[in-house]
């Protein structure tokens, strides 16, 4: 009997241990069967569960607080909501964002028209000497025509908000020249004369003529050539003042340089026929001469510039409008040169319109500075080809006042005593006369003119 009881107890203990080692998983589908509610019966006073805290008898002091363990933390302290509002930020500042691109560069082709040169003095006429015949060369200058050129500009933003940056631009054109020529036939016909006022005749306004060709005596030709080119640059600080989905507006301030370089060259070729000769520097006469007169003017404008541009975007298209104005000195250079050579290439300085040396002539180089204003307006229409490339074309107008131009530097009041091919070359006049001493120079006048450029621009832009 005892061995059988021991075996039964061992089997029960083994089953209990196996059940504890591998408990059955919980499942929502294996809930214990509900127990039917039983009516409550009157029970005696409840007994506290083992291990539950016992109620403290009245008058028993409270036990000391239990210290927190590292695994415990106190409950957060609740604070009453603040009832006092913070002071409003009344400082002036701009926190908008500028354009998306960090830098940009564009360049392309330009097609420019310059304002025609001012009216020039009469350079060549036909008829008897001093008769003031029909004008062949002089008066309104011909147009230079269109000048091909290139334009480049680019910039970058300095700060992360793309509101402060810098831009640099540069452009230049080719040098375009135009000219005209008149000549006689082998017999010297027709008569070609260079009219002038002879200061040595003793009265102002004495009309005279300098022979280029004369029938039966001299054959000759006269050519006039004039040319010009322009270039310029500007460097500006940029300040983005507005940038939205459709609009971008920038203000700029910086430096502007503009350069206008022009010249007029008059060349005369005269040769004696039938035994006629030409005076040459007061020495032995020669059979033929080449007489050259050349005037070059250069206007270099340096100014402080302000302006702005705004761009409107609509779909893949955009319209860019800009205006700039600069104030500063216009540094003007005038160079007058002339020479007379014989058929062998020998000769010296002095032509007909450019003779002698300063102060008794006008050959030389002079400079002056005059205050000037430069204005620049641009309108460009373009298309966004890709996210980083776009093309634009448009119109630019540049205006500059107070400009020296070559046609204003030629005068026709001349003393023949300064002309190497005149019979009276080297003659003297009393210094107390109203003729101004030895020879009245064809002085360089101070006439000034305004100037403008019309330009078509075709540009390709890259931006990142």
Protein backbone atom coordinates (compact mmCIF):
# COMPACT_ATOMS: atom_id res chain seq x y z
CA UNK A 1 0.00 0.00 0.00
CA UNK A 2 2.78 2.48 0.88
CA UNK A 3 4.75 1.88 -2.33
CA UNK A 4 1.62 2.53 -4.40
CA UNK A 5 0.97 5.86 -2.58
CA UNK A 6 4.57 6.97 -3.11
CA UNK A 7 4.33 6.24 -6.84
CA UNK A 8 1.09 8.22 -7.16
CA UNK A 9 2.62 11.22 -5.34
CA UNK A 10 5.72 11.14 -7.55
CA UNK A 11 3.60 11.14 -10.72
CA UNK A 12 1.54 14.11 -9.53
CA UNK A 13 4.65 16.09 -8.63
CA UNK A 14 6.17 15.36 -12.05
CA UNK A 15 3.02 16.54 -13.85
CA UNK A 16 2.91 19.76 -11.81
CA UNK A 17 6.52 20.54 -12.64
CA UNK A 18 5.96 19.94 -16.36
CA UNK A 19 2.92 22.21 -16.34
CA UNK A 20 4.91 24.99 -14.65
CA UNK A 21 7.80 24.62 -17.11
CA UNK A 22 5.58 24.82 -20.20
CA UNK A 23 2.43 26.78 -19.38
CA UNK A 24 -0.35 26.82 -21.94
CA UNK A 25 -0.40 30.04 -24.06
CA UNK A 26 -3.13 32.58 -23.43
CA UNK A 27 -5.74 32.95 -26.13
CA UNK A 28 -8.73 35.15 -26.60
CA UNK A 29 -10.46 32.09 -27.97
CA UNK A 30 -9.74 29.94 -24.91
CA UNK A 31 -11.40 31.89 -22.16
CA UNK A 32 -12.64 30.07 -19.08
CA UNK A 33 -16.34 29.40 -19.15
CA UNK A 34 -18.40 32.13 -17.69
CA UNK A 35 -19.70 31.46 -14.25
CA UNK A 36 -23.33 32.16 -13.79
CA UNK A 37 -23.99 35.00 -11.47
CA UNK A 38 -25.03 33.88 -8.08
CA UNK A 39 -27.23 35.90 -5.84
CA UNK A 40 -25.27 37.70 -3.20
CA UNK A 41 -25.71 36.43 0.23
CA UNK A 42 -25.25 38.39 3.34
CA UNK A 43 -21.69 38.00 4.35
CA UNK A 44 -19.93 38.71 7.50
CA UNK A 45 -17.45 41.59 7.70
CA UNK A 46 -14.75 41.25 5.05
CA UNK A 47 -11.38 40.10 6.15
CA UNK A 48 -8.27 41.79 4.79
CA UNK A 49 -6.28 39.85 2.25
CA UNK A 50 -2.97 38.51 3.34
CA UNK A 51 -0.17 41.07 2.71
CA UNK A 52 -2.54 44.03 2.24
CA UNK A 53 -1.76 47.19 4.25
CA UNK A 54 -3.46 47.28 7.58
CA UNK A 55 -5.48 50.31 8.60
CA UNK A 56 -3.65 52.59 11.01
CA UNK A 57 -5.35 52.95 14.38
CA UNK A 58 -6.43 56.41 15.41
CA UNK A 59 -3.70 58.39 17.13
CA UNK A 60 -0.86 56.26 15.71
CA UNK A 61 1.88 58.50 14.23
CA UNK A 62 2.51 58.28 10.40
CA UNK A 63 5.42 56.05 9.36
CA UNK A 64 8.49 57.75 7.88
CA UNK A 65 8.56 58.16 4.03
CA UNK A 66 10.12 55.35 2.09
CA UNK A 67 13.19 56.55 0.13
CA UNK A 68 13.04 56.31 -3.69
CA UNK A 69 15.01 53.63 -5.38
CA UNK A 70 16.95 54.29 -8.62
CA UNK A 71 14.07 52.77 -10.53
CA UNK A 72 11.51 55.21 -9.20
CA UNK A 73 10.96 58.89 -10.04
CA UNK A 74 8.70 61.51 -8.50
CA UNK A 75 5.60 62.60 -10.29
CA UNK A 76 5.98 65.85 -12.30
CA UNK A 77 5.04 68.98 -10.45
CA UNK A 78 2.02 70.62 -12.01
CA UNK A 79 2.38 74.37 -12.57
CA UNK A 80 -0.30 76.91 -12.95
CA UNK A 81 -0.61 78.38 -16.50
CA UNK A 82 1.09 81.76 -17.08
CA UNK A 83 -1.28 84.66 -17.11
CA UNK A 84 1.24 87.40 -18.10
CA UNK A 85 1.80 87.77 -21.93
CA UNK A 86 5.36 88.12 -23.32
CA UNK A 87 6.19 91.56 -24.78
CA UNK A 88 5.65 91.81 -28.57
CA UNK A 89 8.74 91.97 -30.88
CA UNK A 90 8.54 95.44 -32.37
CA UNK A 91 12.00 95.47 -34.08
CA UNK A 92 12.16 96.18 -37.84
CA UNK A 93 13.59 93.27 -39.82
CA UNK A 94 13.10 91.38 -43.07
CA UNK A 95 13.11 87.61 -42.95
CA UNK A 96 11.97 86.87 -46.51
CA UNK A 97 13.90 84.50 -48.80
CA UNK A 98 15.45 85.67 -52.08
CA UNK A 99 15.76 83.83 -55.42
CA UNK A 100 16.43 80.09 -55.39
CA UNK A 101 19.65 80.24 -57.44
CA UNK A 102 23.01 80.73 -55.72
CA UNK A 103 24.85 82.06 -58.79
CA UNK A 104 24.18 82.84 -62.45
CA UNK A 105 26.04 83.70 -65.65
CA UNK A 106 24.79 84.84 -69.02
CA UNK A 107 26.33 86.00 -72.27
CA UNK A 108 25.52 86.49 -75.90
CA UNK A 109 25.44 88.59 -79.04
CA UNK A 110 24.62 92.30 -79.34
CA UNK A 111 23.70 94.44 -82.34
CA UNK A 112 24.18 98.19 -81.71
CA UNK A 113 23.53 101.50 -83.46
CA UNK A 114 25.43 104.62 -82.37
CA UNK A 115 24.20 108.15 -82.67
CA UNK A 116 25.58 109.75 -85.83
CA UNK A 117 28.49 112.14 -85.48
CA UNK A 118 27.60 115.84 -85.34
CA UNK A 119 27.72 118.11 -88.38
CA UNK A 120 31.29 118.48 -89.62
CA UNK A 121 32.82 121.50 -91.35
CA UNK A 122 33.02 121.47 -95.13
CA UNK A 123 35.95 119.26 -96.08
CA UNK A 124 35.70 119.28 -99.88
CA UNK A 125 33.85 121.27 -102.51
CA UNK A 126 34.00 121.83 -106.23
CA UNK A 127 34.27 125.12 -108.08
CA UNK A 128 36.81 127.92 -108.16
CA UNK A 129 39.03 128.36 -105.13
CA UNK A 130 37.29 130.45 -102.51
CA UNK A 131 34.00 130.53 -104.39
CA UNK A 132 32.27 128.20 -101.99
CA UNK A 133 31.00 125.76 -104.61
CA UNK A 134 28.85 122.70 -104.02
CA UNK A 135 29.84 120.72 -100.91
CA UNK A 136 31.07 117.22 -101.60
CA UNK A 137 32.24 116.22 -98.12
CA UNK A 138 31.13 117.71 -94.84
CA UNK A 139 27.90 118.52 -93.06
CA UNK A 140 25.88 115.68 -91.47
CA UNK A 141 28.06 112.64 -90.92
CA UNK A 142 27.05 109.29 -92.37
CA UNK A 143 25.81 106.55 -90.08
CA UNK A 144 28.29 104.03 -88.73
CA UNK A 145 25.75 101.32 -89.38
CA UNK A 146 25.23 98.44 -86.95
CA UNK A 147 28.09 97.27 -84.73
CA UNK A 148 28.41 93.62 -83.76
CA UNK A 149 29.37 92.93 -80.17
CA UNK A 150 29.32 90.62 -77.15
CA UNK A 151 27.88 91.03 -73.68
CA UNK A 152 28.57 89.06 -70.47
CA UNK A 153 27.35 89.37 -66.91
CA UNK A 154 26.95 87.21 -63.82
CA UNK A 155 26.63 87.25 -60.07
CA UNK A 156 26.18 85.37 -56.82
CA UNK A 157 24.45 85.71 -53.45
CA UNK A 158 26.54 86.10 -50.31
CA UNK A 159 24.13 84.92 -47.61
CA UNK A 160 21.97 81.83 -47.17
CA UNK A 161 18.71 83.76 -47.60
CA UNK A 162 19.93 85.06 -51.01
CA UNK A 163 19.14 88.68 -50.19
CA UNK A 164 22.63 90.25 -50.46
CA UNK A 165 24.93 89.60 -53.42
CA UNK A 166 27.09 91.04 -56.19
CA UNK A 167 26.95 91.23 -59.98
CA UNK A 168 29.56 92.06 -62.64
CA UNK A 169 28.87 92.92 -66.28
CA UNK A 170 30.99 93.67 -69.36
CA UNK A 171 30.30 94.42 -73.04
CA UNK A 172 32.18 95.57 -76.14
CA UNK A 173 31.59 96.11 -79.85
CA UNK A 174 33.69 95.86 -82.95
CA UNK A 175 35.28 98.97 -84.45
CA UNK A 176 33.14 100.03 -87.38
CA UNK A 177 34.46 102.42 -90.04
CA UNK A 178 32.74 104.25 -92.88
CA UNK A 179 34.24 106.47 -95.54
CA UNK A 180 33.99 108.31 -98.83
CA UNK A 181 36.38 109.30 -101.64
CA UNK A 182 36.40 111.85 -104.45
CA UNK A 183 39.08 112.04 -107.16
CA UNK A 184 39.85 113.76 -110.44
CA UNK A 185 40.64 112.19 -113.78
CA UNK A 186 44.11 112.14 -115.40
CA UNK A 187 43.69 115.71 -116.65
CA UNK A 188 42.87 117.09 -113.19
CA UNK A 189 39.15 117.58 -113.82
CA UNK A 190 37.03 118.45 -111.96
CA UNK A 191 38.41 121.15 -109.70
CA UNK A 192 38.47 119.87 -106.10
CA UNK A 193 39.08 122.39 -103.32
CA UNK A 194 39.34 122.21 -99.54
CA UNK A 195 37.69 125.48 -98.39
CA UNK A 196 39.02 127.33 -95.34
CA UNK A 197 39.22 130.79 -93.79
CA UNK A 198 42.66 132.29 -94.24
CA UNK A 199 43.78 133.86 -90.97
CA UNK A 200 46.88 135.39 -92.64
CA UNK A 201 44.89 137.64 -94.94
CA UNK A 202 44.46 140.17 -92.14
CA UNK A 203 40.72 139.96 -91.66
CA UNK A 204 38.60 137.36 -89.98
CA UNK A 205 36.51 135.24 -92.32
CA UNK A 206 38.63 135.62 -95.43
CA UNK A 207 37.54 132.71 -97.59
CA UNK A 208 40.19 130.73 -99.44
CA UNK A 209 40.73 127.30 -100.93
CA UNK A 210 43.42 124.62 -100.79
CA UNK A 211 43.87 122.84 -104.12
CA UNK A 212 43.36 119.05 -104.33
CA UNK A 213 43.06 118.86 -108.12
CA UNK A 214 42.93 121.44 -110.91
CA UNK A 215 42.37 120.82 -114.61
CA UNK A 216 45.65 120.89 -116.56
CA UNK A 217 47.77 121.48 -113.40
CA UNK A 218 47.19 118.88 -110.68
CA UNK A 219 45.47 115.55 -110.32
CA UNK A 220 44.29 114.51 -106.90
CA UNK A 221 41.91 112.66 -104.59
CA UNK A 222 40.54 113.11 -101.09
CA UNK A 223 39.31 110.36 -98.77
CA UNK A 224 37.50 110.71 -95.44
CA UNK A 225 37.20 107.83 -93.04
CA UNK A 226 35.65 107.77 -89.59
CA UNK A 227 35.19 104.97 -87.09
CA UNK A 228 34.05 104.18 -83.58
CA UNK A 229 33.64 101.45 -81.01
CA UNK A 230 32.27 101.29 -77.47
CA UNK A 231 32.78 99.12 -74.41
CA UNK A 232 31.95 99.25 -70.73
CA UNK A 233 31.62 97.45 -67.43
CA UNK A 234 29.77 97.76 -64.14
CA UNK A 235 30.15 96.19 -60.68
CA UNK A 236 27.19 96.31 -58.30
CA UNK A 237 26.06 95.13 -54.90
CA UNK A 238 22.62 93.52 -55.05
CA UNK A 239 19.86 93.71 -52.43
CA UNK A 240 16.82 91.53 -52.99
CA UNK A 241 13.76 93.40 -51.72
CA UNK A 242 10.97 91.08 -52.88
CA UNK A 243 10.65 87.51 -54.10
CA UNK A 244 7.40 85.62 -54.69
CA UNK A 245 6.17 82.93 -57.02
CA UNK A 246 5.83 85.42 -59.88
CA UNK A 247 7.90 88.48 -58.88
CA UNK A 248 11.55 89.17 -58.03
CA UNK A 249 12.83 92.70 -57.38
CA UNK A 250 16.44 93.72 -56.73
CA UNK A 251 17.98 97.06 -55.80
CA UNK A 252 21.59 97.72 -56.85
CA UNK A 253 24.38 100.19 -56.13
CA UNK A 254 27.91 100.19 -57.49
CA UNK A 255 30.36 101.49 -60.10
CA UNK A 256 29.94 102.15 -63.85
CA UNK A 257 32.53 102.58 -66.63
CA UNK A 258 31.75 103.49 -70.25
CA UNK A 259 34.19 104.11 -73.10
CA UNK A 260 33.47 105.76 -76.48
CA UNK A 261 36.44 105.82 -78.88
CA UNK A 262 36.08 107.65 -82.25
CA UNK A 263 38.28 109.07 -85.00
CA UNK A 264 38.17 110.96 -88.32
CA UNK A 265 41.00 110.69 -90.84
CA UNK A 266 41.28 112.91 -93.94
CA UNK A 267 43.88 111.96 -96.54
CA UNK A 268 44.78 114.01 -99.63
CA UNK A 269 46.79 112.84 -102.65
CA UNK A 270 47.92 115.54 -105.10
CA UNK A 271 50.38 115.32 -108.01
CA UNK A 272 51.55 117.98 -110.44
CA UNK A 273 51.11 117.51 -114.21
CA UNK A 274 52.45 119.48 -117.17
CA UNK A 275 55.53 120.49 -115.18
CA UNK A 276 53.73 121.91 -112.13
CA UNK A 277 55.26 121.30 -108.69
CA UNK A 278 54.16 121.62 -105.05
CA UNK A 279 55.90 123.60 -102.25
CA UNK A 280 57.35 121.33 -99.61
CA UNK A 281 58.33 122.60 -96.10
CA UNK A 282 59.79 125.80 -97.56
CA UNK A 283 62.46 123.82 -99.45
CA UNK A 284 62.72 122.47 -102.99
CA UNK A 285 59.29 121.74 -104.44
CA UNK A 286 58.17 118.19 -105.15
CA UNK A 287 56.04 116.59 -107.81
CA UNK A 288 53.54 114.87 -105.48
CA UNK A 289 52.46 114.89 -101.82
CA UNK A 290 50.40 112.87 -99.36
CA UNK A 291 48.73 115.04 -96.70
CA UNK A 292 47.11 113.36 -93.69
CA UNK A 293 44.99 114.84 -90.90
CA UNK A 294 43.59 112.74 -88.09
CA UNK A 295 41.55 113.53 -84.98
CA UNK A 296 40.76 111.00 -82.31
CA UNK A 297 38.53 111.55 -79.28
CA UNK A 298 38.01 109.23 -76.36
CA UNK A 299 35.37 109.62 -73.64
CA UNK A 300 35.95 107.54 -70.51
CA UNK A 301 33.11 107.85 -68.04
CA UNK A 302 33.56 106.79 -64.38
CA UNK A 303 30.51 107.01 -62.17
CA UNK A 304 28.67 105.93 -59.05
CA UNK A 305 25.62 103.93 -60.10
CA UNK A 306 22.25 103.10 -58.54
CA UNK A 307 19.25 101.31 -59.99
CA UNK A 308 17.13 98.23 -59.88
CA UNK A 309 15.46 95.50 -61.87
CA UNK A 310 12.29 93.48 -61.55
CA UNK A 311 11.34 90.17 -63.15
CA UNK A 312 7.83 88.83 -63.72
CA UNK A 313 7.36 85.12 -64.46
CA UNK A 314 4.32 83.63 -66.17
CA UNK A 315 4.55 79.96 -66.96
CA UNK A 316 7.80 79.21 -68.75
CA UNK A 317 8.13 82.85 -69.88
CA UNK A 318 9.57 85.82 -68.02
CA UNK A 319 9.87 89.60 -68.50
CA UNK A 320 12.85 91.46 -67.01
CA UNK A 321 12.91 95.27 -66.75
CA UNK A 322 15.90 97.22 -65.44
CA UNK A 323 17.02 100.83 -65.09
CA UNK A 324 20.35 102.32 -63.94
CA UNK A 325 21.69 105.85 -63.54
CA UNK A 326 25.30 106.89 -62.91
CA UNK A 327 26.90 110.23 -62.06
CA UNK A 328 30.57 111.06 -62.36
CA UNK A 329 33.42 112.60 -64.39
CA UNK A 330 33.85 112.03 -68.11
CA UNK A 331 37.59 111.94 -68.84
CA UNK A 332 37.96 113.30 -72.39
CA UNK A 333 41.07 112.83 -74.52
CA UNK A 334 41.64 114.63 -77.81
CA UNK A 335 44.53 113.63 -80.07
CA UNK A 336 45.27 115.68 -83.21
CA UNK A 337 47.89 114.55 -85.67
CA UNK A 338 48.99 115.48 -89.17
CA UNK A 339 51.87 114.87 -91.54
CA UNK A 340 52.99 115.63 -95.08
CA UNK A 341 55.09 113.20 -97.12
CA UNK A 342 56.51 113.29 -100.64
CA UNK A 343 56.40 110.41 -103.11
CA UNK A 344 59.58 108.94 -101.59
CA UNK A 345 58.04 108.87 -98.09
CA UNK A 346 60.12 111.77 -96.72
CA UNK A 347 58.50 114.62 -94.85
CA UNK A 348 57.44 115.65 -91.36
CA UNK A 349 54.61 116.67 -89.06
CA UNK A 350 51.90 119.02 -90.17
CA UNK A 351 49.08 118.44 -92.60
CA UNK A 352 46.33 120.89 -93.50
CA UNK A 353 43.72 120.76 -90.71
CA UNK A 354 46.29 119.53 -88.20
CA UNK A 355 49.36 121.73 -88.27
CA UNK A 356 52.16 122.95 -86.06
CA UNK A 357 52.54 122.21 -82.41
CA UNK A 358 50.75 123.65 -79.41
CA UNK A 359 50.58 126.61 -78.77
CA UNK A 360 51.20 127.69 -82.38
CA UNK A 361 49.23 124.79 -83.82
CA UNK A 362 46.86 122.07 -82.78
CA UNK A 363 48.98 118.93 -83.14
CA UNK A 364 49.22 117.17 -79.81
CA UNK A 365 47.20 115.56 -77.05
CA UNK A 366 44.91 117.33 -74.59
CA UNK A 367 42.74 116.05 -71.75
CA UNK A 368 39.88 117.45 -69.72
CA UNK A 369 37.28 116.24 -67.22
CA UNK A 370 33.62 117.18 -67.32
CA UNK A 371 30.73 116.09 -65.12
CA UNK A 372 28.36 113.76 -66.96
CA UNK A 373 25.26 111.62 -66.46
CA UNK A 374 24.81 108.12 -67.87
CA UNK A 375 21.40 106.42 -68.05
CA UNK A 376 20.77 102.77 -68.94
CA UNK A 377 17.37 101.12 -69.52
CA UNK A 378 16.81 97.46 -70.48
CA UNK A 379 13.79 95.30 -71.35
CA UNK A 380 14.26 91.54 -71.87
CA UNK A 381 11.73 88.82 -72.73
CA UNK A 382 12.79 85.20 -72.19
CA UNK A 383 11.84 81.56 -71.83
CA UNK A 384 12.94 78.96 -69.27
CA UNK A 385 14.42 76.15 -71.38
CA UNK A 386 15.22 73.87 -68.40
CA UNK A 387 15.55 74.18 -64.63
CA UNK A 388 19.04 75.70 -65.05
CA UNK A 389 19.10 77.25 -68.56
CA UNK A 390 17.06 80.04 -70.09
CA UNK A 391 17.19 82.28 -73.17
CA UNK A 392 16.23 85.94 -73.47
CA UNK A 393 16.24 88.70 -76.07
CA UNK A 394 15.46 92.38 -75.79
CA UNK A 395 16.44 96.03 -76.10
CA UNK A 396 18.94 98.27 -74.26
CA UNK A 397 19.26 102.06 -74.42
CA UNK A 398 22.34 103.91 -73.10
CA UNK A 399 22.54 107.72 -72.94
CA UNK A 400 25.60 109.85 -72.04
CA UNK A 401 25.75 113.65 -72.09
CA UNK A 402 28.70 116.05 -72.36
CA UNK A 403 30.69 114.05 -74.93
CA UNK A 404 33.59 115.21 -77.14
CA UNK A 405 33.39 113.95 -80.73
CA UNK A 406 35.96 114.24 -83.57
CA UNK A 407 33.86 116.35 -85.92
CA UNK A 408 33.86 119.13 -83.33
CA UNK A 409 37.66 119.20 -83.16
CA UNK A 410 38.25 120.11 -86.81
CA UNK A 411 38.17 123.83 -87.65
CA UNK A 412 38.62 125.60 -90.93
CA UNK A 413 40.22 128.87 -89.77
CA UNK A 414 43.84 128.20 -90.73
CA UNK A 415 47.05 130.22 -91.12
CA UNK A 416 48.88 128.92 -94.25
CA UNK A 417 52.20 129.75 -92.63
CA UNK A 418 51.70 126.50 -90.64
CA UNK A 419 50.85 124.37 -93.71
CA UNK A 420 53.94 122.57 -95.14
CA UNK A 421 52.67 122.72 -98.75
CA UNK A 422 51.88 126.44 -98.69
CA UNK A 423 54.15 128.97 -100.44
CA UNK A 424 54.16 131.09 -97.25
CA UNK A 425 55.10 128.19 -94.96
CA UNK A 426 57.33 129.41 -92.09
CA UNK A 427 56.42 133.09 -92.49
CA UNK A 428 56.19 135.41 -89.50
CA UNK A 429 53.52 137.90 -88.46
CA UNK A 430 53.80 140.62 -85.78
CA UNK A 431 52.89 139.29 -82.36
CA UNK A 432 50.88 142.43 -81.51
CA UNK A 433 48.25 141.82 -84.14
CA UNK A 434 44.86 140.31 -83.55
CA UNK A 435 46.03 137.26 -85.47
CA UNK A 436 47.64 135.86 -82.32
CA UNK A 437 51.34 136.05 -83.07
CA UNK A 438 53.15 133.56 -85.31
CA UNK A 439 50.30 131.87 -87.05
CA UNK A 440 46.76 131.67 -85.76
CA UNK A 441 46.37 128.03 -84.79
CA UNK A 442 43.35 125.99 -85.77
CA UNK A 443 42.63 125.73 -82.06
CA UNK A 444 40.79 122.78 -80.58
CA UNK A 445 37.28 123.93 -79.63
CA UNK A 446 35.39 122.90 -76.53
CA UNK A 447 32.09 122.03 -78.18
CA UNK A 448 30.34 119.06 -76.59
CA UNK A 449 27.47 116.85 -77.66
CA UNK A 450 25.25 114.16 -76.22
CA UNK A 451 25.47 110.52 -77.26
CA UNK A 452 23.28 107.42 -77.18
CA UNK A 453 23.37 103.75 -78.19
CA UNK A 454 20.49 101.49 -79.23
CA UNK A 455 21.22 97.77 -78.79
CA UNK A 456 19.45 94.48 -79.46
CA UNK A 457 20.62 91.71 -77.09
CA UNK A 458 20.38 87.92 -77.45
CA UNK A 459 21.54 86.15 -74.27
CA UNK A 460 21.79 82.60 -72.91
CA UNK A 461 21.80 82.21 -69.11
CA UNK A 462 22.94 79.42 -66.78
CA UNK A 463 21.89 79.48 -63.12
CA UNK A 464 22.45 77.15 -60.15
